[in-house]
Amino acid sequence: MTYSIIEVITMEIALFYSKENSDHLKAANLVKKAVKNLGISATITERDVQMPDPQIIVNGFDFRTLLEKPRSGSGTKLSYDSVLKALESTAW
């Protein structure tokens, strides 16, 4: 008889944002939607800090470098596809 042990790993996702930036709600919704659609087991924490753009940290890794960069201006362009790709690359 063969037994398989399945280890469920919970991804730790931290969302840092400033309440002064209205993009924080969008970023939180994008992360939650991507986690749900990928079927990832994740703990999502949100923290209000003084920063110009929302920042997503997954398992201690900053995904800013993996997300699409805007054509002009500053900051990181958050889209569902970019968040999905970033989470997917870590989950599998």
Protein backbone atom coordinates (compact mmCIF):
# COMPACT_ATOMS: atom_id res chain seq x y z
CA MET A 1 0.00 0.00 0.00
CA THR A 2 1.34 3.42 -0.95
CA TYR A 3 0.50 6.57 0.95
CA SER A 4 0.84 10.06 -0.38
CA ILE A 5 1.40 13.03 1.82
CA ILE A 6 0.00 16.21 0.42
CA GLU A 7 1.44 19.30 1.98
CA VAL A 8 -0.71 22.37 1.72
CA ILE A 9 1.42 25.46 1.67
CA THR A 10 -0.24 28.72 2.48
CA MET A 11 1.07 31.68 0.54
CA GLU A 12 1.69 34.79 2.62
CA ILE A 13 0.59 37.91 0.77
CA ALA A 14 1.03 41.38 2.21
CA LEU A 15 -0.48 44.44 0.61
CA PHE A 16 1.06 47.74 1.66
CA TYR A 17 -0.84 50.87 0.68
CA SER A 18 -1.68 54.41 1.66
CA LYS A 19 -5.31 55.29 2.33
CA GLU A 20 -4.55 58.55 0.54
CA ASN A 21 -4.13 56.60 -2.71
CA SER A 22 -7.44 55.28 -4.05
CA ASP A 23 -5.63 52.45 -5.88
CA HIS A 24 -5.39 50.48 -2.63
CA LEU A 25 -8.94 49.10 -2.99
CA LYS A 26 -8.26 48.13 -6.60
CA ALA A 27 -5.00 46.38 -5.64
CA ALA A 28 -6.68 44.46 -2.79
CA ASN A 29 -9.53 43.35 -5.07
CA LEU A 30 -7.11 42.25 -7.82
CA VAL A 31 -5.06 40.17 -5.38
CA LYS A 32 -8.13 38.53 -3.81
CA LYS A 33 -9.65 37.75 -7.21
CA ALA A 34 -6.40 36.22 -8.52
CA VAL A 35 -5.95 34.10 -5.37
CA LYS A 36 -9.52 32.82 -5.66
CA ASN A 37 -9.28 32.07 -9.39
CA LEU A 38 -5.96 30.26 -9.01
CA GLY A 39 -7.26 28.24 -6.06
CA ILE A 40 -4.28 29.28 -3.94
CA SER A 41 -4.32 28.85 -0.19
CA ALA A 42 -3.24 32.29 1.00
CA THR A 43 -3.22 34.56 3.99
CA ILE A 44 -3.67 38.15 2.85
CA THR A 45 -2.81 40.98 5.19
CA GLU A 46 -3.31 44.65 4.42
CA ARG A 47 -1.30 47.40 6.04
CA ASP A 48 -1.69 51.16 5.75
CA VAL A 49 1.71 52.83 5.41
CA GLN A 50 2.86 56.04 3.78
CA MET A 51 3.82 55.08 0.23
CA PRO A 52 2.85 56.49 -3.16
CA ASP A 53 1.67 53.24 -4.80
CA PRO A 54 0.33 49.92 -3.47
CA GLN A 55 3.01 47.28 -3.00
CA ILE A 56 2.43 43.52 -3.06
CA ILE A 57 4.79 41.23 -1.15
CA VAL A 58 4.38 37.46 -1.62
CA ASN A 59 6.27 35.13 0.68
CA GLY A 60 8.68 37.99 1.41
CA PHE A 61 9.29 38.74 -2.29
CA ASP A 62 8.41 42.11 -3.83
CA PHE A 63 6.52 41.61 -7.08
CA ARG A 64 7.05 45.18 -8.32
CA THR A 65 9.74 43.97 -10.68
CA LEU A 66 7.42 41.37 -12.23
CA LEU A 67 4.42 43.61 -12.72
CA GLU A 68 3.95 45.60 -15.91
CA LYS A 69 5.57 49.02 -15.91
CA PRO A 70 3.52 51.97 -17.14
CA ARG A 71 4.49 53.62 -20.40
CA SER A 72 4.75 57.03 -18.79
CA GLY A 73 4.60 58.46 -15.30
CA SER A 74 5.72 56.78 -12.13
CA GLY A 75 4.60 53.80 -10.13
CA THR A 76 3.52 50.31 -11.02
CA LYS A 77 0.58 49.51 -13.24
CA LEU A 78 -1.62 47.02 -11.45
CA SER A 79 -3.88 44.92 -13.64
CA TYR A 80 -5.60 41.60 -13.05
CA ASP A 81 -3.38 39.87 -15.61
CA SER A 82 -0.15 41.19 -14.09
CA VAL A 83 -1.16 40.20 -10.55
CA LEU A 84 -2.36 36.79 -11.77
CA LYS A 85 0.94 36.12 -13.56
CA ALA A 86 2.99 37.20 -10.55
CA LEU A 87 1.04 34.99 -8.13
CA GLU A 88 0.98 32.08 -10.56
CA SER A 89 4.77 32.16 -10.97
CA THR A 90 5.16 31.76 -7.20
CA ALA A 91 2.34 29.28 -6.63
CA TRP A 92 3.61 26.65 -9.03
